[in-house]
Structure formats: structure tokens, C-alpha cells
N, C-alpha and C. Protein backbone atom coordinates (compact mmCIF):
# COMPACT_ATOMS: atom_id res chain seq x y z
N MET A 1 173.30 -56.62 47.07
CA MET A 1 173.30 -57.45 48.27
C MET A 1 172.14 -58.44 48.18
N THR A 2 172.38 -59.68 48.51
CA THR A 2 171.36 -60.73 48.46
C THR A 2 170.15 -60.37 49.32
N ALA A 3 168.97 -60.70 48.80
CA ALA A 3 167.72 -60.46 49.53
C ALA A 3 166.82 -61.68 49.38
N PHE A 4 165.85 -61.79 50.28
CA PHE A 4 164.89 -62.89 50.24
C PHE A 4 163.48 -62.32 50.33
N ASN A 5 162.53 -63.02 49.70
CA ASN A 5 161.12 -62.74 49.97
C ASN A 5 160.50 -64.03 50.48
N ILE A 6 159.63 -63.88 51.44
CA ILE A 6 158.94 -65.00 52.06
C ILE A 6 157.44 -64.68 52.02
N VAL A 7 156.66 -65.62 51.49
CA VAL A 7 155.22 -65.40 51.38
C VAL A 7 154.50 -66.59 52.01
N ARG A 8 153.61 -66.28 52.93
CA ARG A 8 152.82 -67.33 53.59
C ARG A 8 151.45 -67.39 52.94
N PHE A 9 150.98 -68.63 52.70
CA PHE A 9 149.69 -68.87 52.06
C PHE A 9 148.87 -69.85 52.90
N ARG A 10 147.57 -69.71 52.86
CA ARG A 10 146.65 -70.72 53.39
C ARG A 10 145.78 -71.14 52.21
N VAL A 11 145.80 -72.44 51.91
CA VAL A 11 145.11 -72.98 50.74
C VAL A 11 143.75 -73.54 51.15
N LYS A 12 142.76 -73.32 50.32
CA LYS A 12 141.43 -73.87 50.58
C LYS A 12 141.49 -75.39 50.60
N PRO A 13 140.72 -76.02 51.49
CA PRO A 13 140.68 -77.49 51.50
C PRO A 13 140.32 -78.03 50.11
N GLY A 14 141.03 -79.06 49.70
CA GLY A 14 140.78 -79.67 48.40
C GLY A 14 141.53 -79.02 47.24
N TYR A 15 142.27 -77.95 47.50
CA TYR A 15 142.97 -77.24 46.43
C TYR A 15 144.49 -77.35 46.53
N GLN A 16 144.98 -78.19 47.43
CA GLN A 16 146.43 -78.29 47.63
C GLN A 16 147.18 -78.68 46.36
N GLN A 17 146.72 -79.72 45.68
CA GLN A 17 147.43 -80.19 44.49
C GLN A 17 147.41 -79.15 43.37
N GLN A 18 146.31 -78.44 43.23
CA GLN A 18 146.22 -77.38 42.22
C GLN A 18 147.20 -76.26 42.56
N PHE A 19 147.28 -75.89 43.85
CA PHE A 19 148.20 -74.85 44.30
C PHE A 19 149.65 -75.27 44.06
N ILE A 20 149.99 -76.50 44.42
CA ILE A 20 151.36 -77.00 44.22
C ILE A 20 151.68 -77.04 42.73
N ALA A 21 150.74 -77.51 41.92
CA ALA A 21 150.96 -77.59 40.47
C ALA A 21 151.22 -76.22 39.86
N ALA A 22 150.61 -75.19 40.43
CA ALA A 22 150.81 -73.83 39.92
C ALA A 22 152.25 -73.35 40.14
N HIS A 23 152.95 -73.99 41.07
CA HIS A 23 154.35 -73.62 41.36
C HIS A 23 155.35 -74.58 40.72
N ARG A 24 154.97 -75.81 40.51
CA ARG A 24 155.89 -76.84 40.02
C ARG A 24 156.32 -76.55 38.59
N GLY A 25 157.63 -76.63 38.36
CA GLY A 25 158.17 -76.48 37.02
C GLY A 25 158.06 -75.08 36.44
N ARG A 26 157.71 -74.13 37.27
CA ARG A 26 157.52 -72.76 36.78
C ARG A 26 158.88 -72.06 36.72
N ASN A 27 159.18 -71.49 35.60
CA ASN A 27 160.37 -70.66 35.46
C ASN A 27 159.87 -69.23 35.41
N SER A 28 160.07 -68.51 36.50
CA SER A 28 159.47 -67.19 36.64
C SER A 28 160.00 -66.19 35.62
N GLY A 29 161.28 -66.29 35.27
CA GLY A 29 161.87 -65.32 34.37
C GLY A 29 162.07 -63.96 35.01
N PHE A 30 161.91 -63.86 36.32
CA PHE A 30 162.10 -62.59 37.00
C PHE A 30 163.59 -62.22 37.01
N THR A 31 163.90 -61.02 36.61
CA THR A 31 165.28 -60.56 36.63
C THR A 31 165.79 -60.50 38.06
N GLY A 32 166.92 -61.14 38.32
CA GLY A 32 167.51 -61.12 39.65
C GLY A 32 167.07 -62.25 40.56
N PHE A 33 166.11 -63.08 40.11
CA PHE A 33 165.63 -64.20 40.92
C PHE A 33 166.64 -65.34 40.82
N ARG A 34 167.12 -65.81 41.96
CA ARG A 34 168.14 -66.86 41.99
C ARG A 34 167.57 -68.25 42.24
N GLY A 35 166.34 -68.33 42.68
CA GLY A 35 165.72 -69.61 42.97
C GLY A 35 164.91 -69.53 44.25
N GLY A 36 164.16 -70.58 44.50
CA GLY A 36 163.32 -70.58 45.69
C GLY A 36 162.77 -71.95 45.98
N ALA A 37 161.90 -71.99 46.99
CA ALA A 37 161.29 -73.25 47.39
C ALA A 37 159.90 -72.99 47.94
N LEU A 38 158.99 -73.90 47.62
CA LEU A 38 157.66 -73.90 48.21
C LEU A 38 157.68 -74.93 49.33
N VAL A 39 157.36 -74.50 50.53
CA VAL A 39 157.48 -75.35 51.72
C VAL A 39 156.09 -75.57 52.31
N LYS A 40 155.73 -76.83 52.53
CA LYS A 40 154.46 -77.15 53.18
C LYS A 40 154.69 -77.05 54.69
N THR A 41 153.95 -76.16 55.34
CA THR A 41 154.15 -75.91 56.77
C THR A 41 153.01 -76.42 57.64
N GLY A 42 151.97 -76.96 57.02
CA GLY A 42 150.83 -77.49 57.76
C GLY A 42 149.86 -78.12 56.78
N ASP A 43 148.70 -78.55 57.28
CA ASP A 43 147.72 -79.22 56.42
C ASP A 43 147.34 -78.39 55.21
N ASN A 44 147.05 -77.13 55.41
CA ASN A 44 146.64 -76.24 54.32
C ASN A 44 147.51 -74.99 54.25
N SER A 45 148.68 -75.03 54.85
CA SER A 45 149.52 -73.84 54.86
C SER A 45 150.87 -74.11 54.19
N PHE A 46 151.35 -73.08 53.50
CA PHE A 46 152.58 -73.14 52.74
C PHE A 46 153.32 -71.82 52.89
N CYS A 47 154.64 -71.87 52.67
CA CYS A 47 155.46 -70.67 52.55
C CYS A 47 156.29 -70.79 51.29
N PHE A 48 156.45 -69.70 50.61
CA PHE A 48 157.39 -69.64 49.50
C PHE A 48 158.56 -68.80 49.96
N VAL A 49 159.78 -69.28 49.72
CA VAL A 49 160.99 -68.55 50.06
C VAL A 49 161.78 -68.36 48.78
N GLY A 50 162.06 -67.13 48.42
CA GLY A 50 162.79 -66.83 47.19
C GLY A 50 164.07 -66.06 47.48
N GLU A 51 165.12 -66.40 46.76
CA GLU A 51 166.40 -65.69 46.88
C GLU A 51 166.57 -64.79 45.66
N TRP A 52 167.04 -63.57 45.92
CA TRP A 52 167.18 -62.56 44.87
C TRP A 52 168.56 -61.90 44.94
N ALA A 53 168.96 -61.32 43.83
CA ALA A 53 170.25 -60.62 43.75
C ALA A 53 170.25 -59.35 44.62
N SER A 54 169.09 -58.72 44.78
CA SER A 54 169.01 -57.51 45.60
C SER A 54 167.55 -57.23 45.96
N LEU A 55 167.36 -56.38 46.94
CA LEU A 55 166.02 -55.97 47.34
C LEU A 55 165.34 -55.21 46.20
N GLN A 56 166.10 -54.42 45.48
CA GLN A 56 165.52 -53.67 44.36
C GLN A 56 164.96 -54.59 43.28
N LYS A 57 165.60 -55.76 43.08
CA LYS A 57 165.09 -56.73 42.10
C LYS A 57 163.73 -57.26 42.53
N ILE A 58 163.53 -57.44 43.85
CA ILE A 58 162.22 -57.87 44.36
C ILE A 58 161.18 -56.79 44.09
N VAL A 59 161.53 -55.55 44.41
CA VAL A 59 160.62 -54.43 44.19
C VAL A 59 160.24 -54.35 42.71
N ASN A 60 161.22 -54.48 41.82
CA ASN A 60 160.96 -54.40 40.38
C ASN A 60 160.06 -55.53 39.89
N ALA A 61 160.14 -56.70 40.53
CA ALA A 61 159.39 -57.87 40.08
C ALA A 61 157.99 -57.95 40.69
N ARG A 62 157.64 -57.07 41.60
CA ARG A 62 156.34 -57.17 42.26
C ARG A 62 155.15 -57.20 41.31
N PRO A 63 155.11 -56.36 40.28
CA PRO A 63 153.96 -56.47 39.36
C PRO A 63 153.86 -57.85 38.70
N GLN A 64 155.00 -58.44 38.33
CA GLN A 64 155.00 -59.78 37.73
C GLN A 64 154.59 -60.83 38.77
N MET A 65 155.04 -60.67 40.02
CA MET A 65 154.67 -61.63 41.07
C MET A 65 153.17 -61.58 41.33
N ILE A 66 152.60 -60.39 41.31
CA ILE A 66 151.15 -60.25 41.51
C ILE A 66 150.41 -60.91 40.35
N ALA A 67 150.92 -60.75 39.13
CA ALA A 67 150.29 -61.39 37.97
C ALA A 67 150.35 -62.90 38.10
N MET A 68 151.46 -63.43 38.61
CA MET A 68 151.56 -64.88 38.83
C MET A 68 150.59 -65.32 39.91
N LEU A 69 150.49 -64.55 40.99
CA LEU A 69 149.55 -64.85 42.07
C LEU A 69 148.11 -64.92 41.53
N ASP A 70 147.80 -64.05 40.60
CA ASP A 70 146.45 -64.04 40.01
C ASP A 70 146.09 -65.36 39.35
N THR A 71 147.09 -66.15 38.92
CA THR A 71 146.82 -67.42 38.24
C THR A 71 146.35 -68.52 39.20
N PHE A 72 146.61 -68.35 40.51
CA PHE A 72 146.16 -69.35 41.48
C PHE A 72 145.46 -68.72 42.69
N ARG A 73 145.10 -67.46 42.58
CA ARG A 73 144.44 -66.73 43.67
C ARG A 73 143.19 -67.44 44.17
N ASP A 74 142.46 -68.09 43.26
CA ASP A 74 141.20 -68.76 43.62
C ASP A 74 141.41 -69.99 44.50
N THR A 75 142.65 -70.44 44.68
CA THR A 75 142.94 -71.60 45.54
C THR A 75 143.21 -71.19 46.98
N LEU A 76 143.26 -69.88 47.26
CA LEU A 76 143.71 -69.39 48.56
C LEU A 76 142.57 -68.96 49.46
N GLU A 77 142.81 -69.12 50.77
CA GLU A 77 141.90 -68.62 51.81
C GLU A 77 142.49 -67.35 52.40
N ASP A 78 141.64 -66.52 52.93
CA ASP A 78 142.09 -65.31 53.63
C ASP A 78 142.91 -65.71 54.85
N GLN A 79 144.02 -65.04 55.08
CA GLN A 79 144.89 -65.32 56.23
C GLN A 79 144.24 -64.89 57.55
N GLY A 80 143.28 -63.98 57.48
CA GLY A 80 142.67 -63.46 58.70
C GLY A 80 143.50 -62.32 59.28
N GLY A 81 142.96 -61.65 60.24
CA GLY A 81 143.68 -60.56 60.90
C GLY A 81 144.01 -59.40 59.98
N GLY A 82 143.26 -59.25 58.89
CA GLY A 82 143.50 -58.15 57.97
C GLY A 82 144.65 -58.36 57.00
N LEU A 83 145.21 -59.57 56.96
CA LEU A 83 146.35 -59.83 56.08
C LEU A 83 145.95 -60.04 54.63
N GLY A 84 144.75 -60.53 54.38
CA GLY A 84 144.36 -60.85 53.02
C GLY A 84 144.78 -62.27 52.66
N LEU A 85 145.00 -62.51 51.37
CA LEU A 85 145.32 -63.87 50.90
C LEU A 85 146.76 -64.27 51.13
N THR A 86 147.66 -63.31 51.24
CA THR A 86 149.08 -63.63 51.44
C THR A 86 149.64 -62.80 52.59
N ASP A 87 150.65 -63.35 53.20
CA ASP A 87 151.41 -62.63 54.23
C ASP A 87 152.84 -62.61 53.72
N ALA A 88 153.23 -61.49 53.10
CA ALA A 88 154.52 -61.40 52.42
C ALA A 88 155.46 -60.44 53.15
N VAL A 89 156.72 -60.86 53.24
CA VAL A 89 157.78 -60.01 53.78
C VAL A 89 159.01 -60.19 52.90
N SER A 90 159.88 -59.19 52.91
CA SER A 90 161.12 -59.29 52.16
C SER A 90 162.16 -58.40 52.81
N GLY A 91 163.43 -58.73 52.55
CA GLY A 91 164.50 -57.92 53.10
C GLY A 91 165.86 -58.40 52.67
N GLU A 92 166.87 -57.57 52.96
CA GLU A 92 168.25 -57.90 52.62
C GLU A 92 168.86 -58.81 53.67
N VAL A 93 169.75 -59.65 53.23
CA VAL A 93 170.47 -60.56 54.13
C VAL A 93 171.43 -59.73 54.98
N VAL A 94 171.37 -59.92 56.30
CA VAL A 94 172.29 -59.23 57.20
C VAL A 94 173.32 -60.17 57.80
N VAL A 95 173.00 -61.47 57.85
CA VAL A 95 173.94 -62.49 58.30
C VAL A 95 173.69 -63.72 57.45
N LYS A 96 174.74 -64.25 56.87
CA LYS A 96 174.63 -65.48 56.12
C LYS A 96 175.21 -66.60 56.98
N ILE A 97 174.47 -67.67 57.13
CA ILE A 97 174.89 -68.79 57.98
C ILE A 97 175.22 -69.96 57.07
N ALA A 98 176.46 -70.36 57.09
CA ALA A 98 176.91 -71.45 56.23
C ALA A 98 176.58 -72.79 56.87
N ALA A 99 176.34 -73.76 56.02
CA ALA A 99 176.14 -75.13 56.50
C ALA A 99 177.48 -75.64 57.04
N PRO A 100 177.43 -76.50 58.05
CA PRO A 100 178.70 -77.03 58.56
C PRO A 100 179.39 -77.88 57.50
N LYS A 101 180.69 -77.80 57.50
CA LYS A 101 181.45 -78.61 56.55
C LYS A 101 181.47 -80.03 57.05
N THR A 102 181.26 -80.93 56.14
CA THR A 102 181.30 -82.34 56.52
C THR A 102 182.68 -82.89 56.20
N LYS A 103 183.12 -83.77 57.05
CA LYS A 103 184.42 -84.39 56.83
C LYS A 103 184.26 -85.46 55.78
N LYS A 104 185.16 -85.43 54.84
CA LYS A 104 185.15 -86.47 53.81
C LYS A 104 185.79 -87.72 54.40
N PRO A 105 185.20 -88.86 54.13
CA PRO A 105 185.82 -90.09 54.66
C PRO A 105 187.19 -90.27 54.02
N LYS A 106 188.10 -90.73 54.84
CA LYS A 106 189.44 -90.97 54.33
C LYS A 106 189.40 -92.12 53.35
N ALA A 107 190.15 -91.95 52.30
CA ALA A 107 190.22 -93.02 51.29
C ALA A 107 190.98 -94.19 51.89
N LYS A 108 190.43 -95.36 51.70
CA LYS A 108 191.09 -96.56 52.21
C LYS A 108 192.29 -96.85 51.33
N ALA A 109 193.36 -97.16 52.00
CA ALA A 109 194.57 -97.50 51.25
C ALA A 109 194.32 -98.80 50.51
N LYS A 110 194.73 -98.79 49.28
CA LYS A 110 194.57 -100.00 48.48
C LYS A 110 195.59 -101.03 48.93
N THR A 111 195.13 -102.18 49.21
CA THR A 111 196.03 -103.25 49.60
C THR A 111 196.21 -104.18 48.41
N ALA A 112 197.42 -104.39 48.12
CA ALA A 112 197.71 -105.26 46.99
C ALA A 112 197.55 -106.69 47.43
N LYS A 113 196.75 -107.38 46.70
CA LYS A 113 196.58 -108.80 47.00
C LYS A 113 197.62 -109.57 46.19
N ARG A 114 198.41 -110.29 46.89
CA ARG A 114 199.42 -111.08 46.22
C ARG A 114 198.92 -112.49 46.02
N LYS A 115 199.13 -112.92 44.86
CA LYS A 115 198.73 -114.30 44.57
C LYS A 115 199.80 -115.24 45.09
N LYS A 116 199.36 -116.21 45.75
CA LYS A 116 200.30 -117.21 46.28
C LYS A 116 200.67 -118.15 45.15
N ARG A 117 201.95 -118.38 45.06
CA ARG A 117 202.40 -119.34 44.06
C ARG A 117 202.43 -120.71 44.68
N ARG A 118 202.03 -121.64 43.97
CA ARG A 118 202.00 -123.00 44.46
C ARG A 118 203.03 -123.82 43.79
């Protein structure tokens, strides 16, 4: 069953580009990882959202995810409230919401242009 992990980060001032670069073009190679997105949610705050084949695949990849986090850990600020550097949650999809279908524009009928004979 499809699962997602969501991780919230607060980046130290002046380290945004380094943090973004650490994610750009990265192919994680995690088994079961379907893709994800890094989302800027504020001046120094970001969320990563990842889609996975199952919750167990997320659990299995945690040591690798921690190793990846270690490569940019120095760019992060403590979240406060006892959270540490990251605020991570994960779980299985219980409702999938499809995007609305868009209507395709009707094809215009081709009008034959007749040449006038003179």
C-alpha cells in the first residue's frame, strides 16, 4: 500500500542554497521510493514529501535516509520544542484524492477553403 514520508526542516540563515543543492539532482536509490519534492514553506523553512511503495519500504530505508541527512545536517537549525533538527512523520495512504479531470477543447472542424475561379 502506498505510503508517504514528510520531513520538516528549518535551515540556518545563509545556508538555503547549500541545503537546496544537497537535494537537487539526487537519486536516492532507496528501494521502494517513487519520488518526492522539496517544498519551500517559508523564509528558512522547507518540507520534503516522499512517496513510497509501502510503509515497510520507508522503515527499511531509514538508515540510508539518516546517512543522507548527515551530508547536510550542518545547514539545519533546531526545530525547537524538543523536535531536534527534523520533524518527520510517515504513514500509509488512507484516501487518495485525484486531480479533477480537465475537459479537452473540442477540435475545430477543418473548413475547406475553396479557391474562387476567375
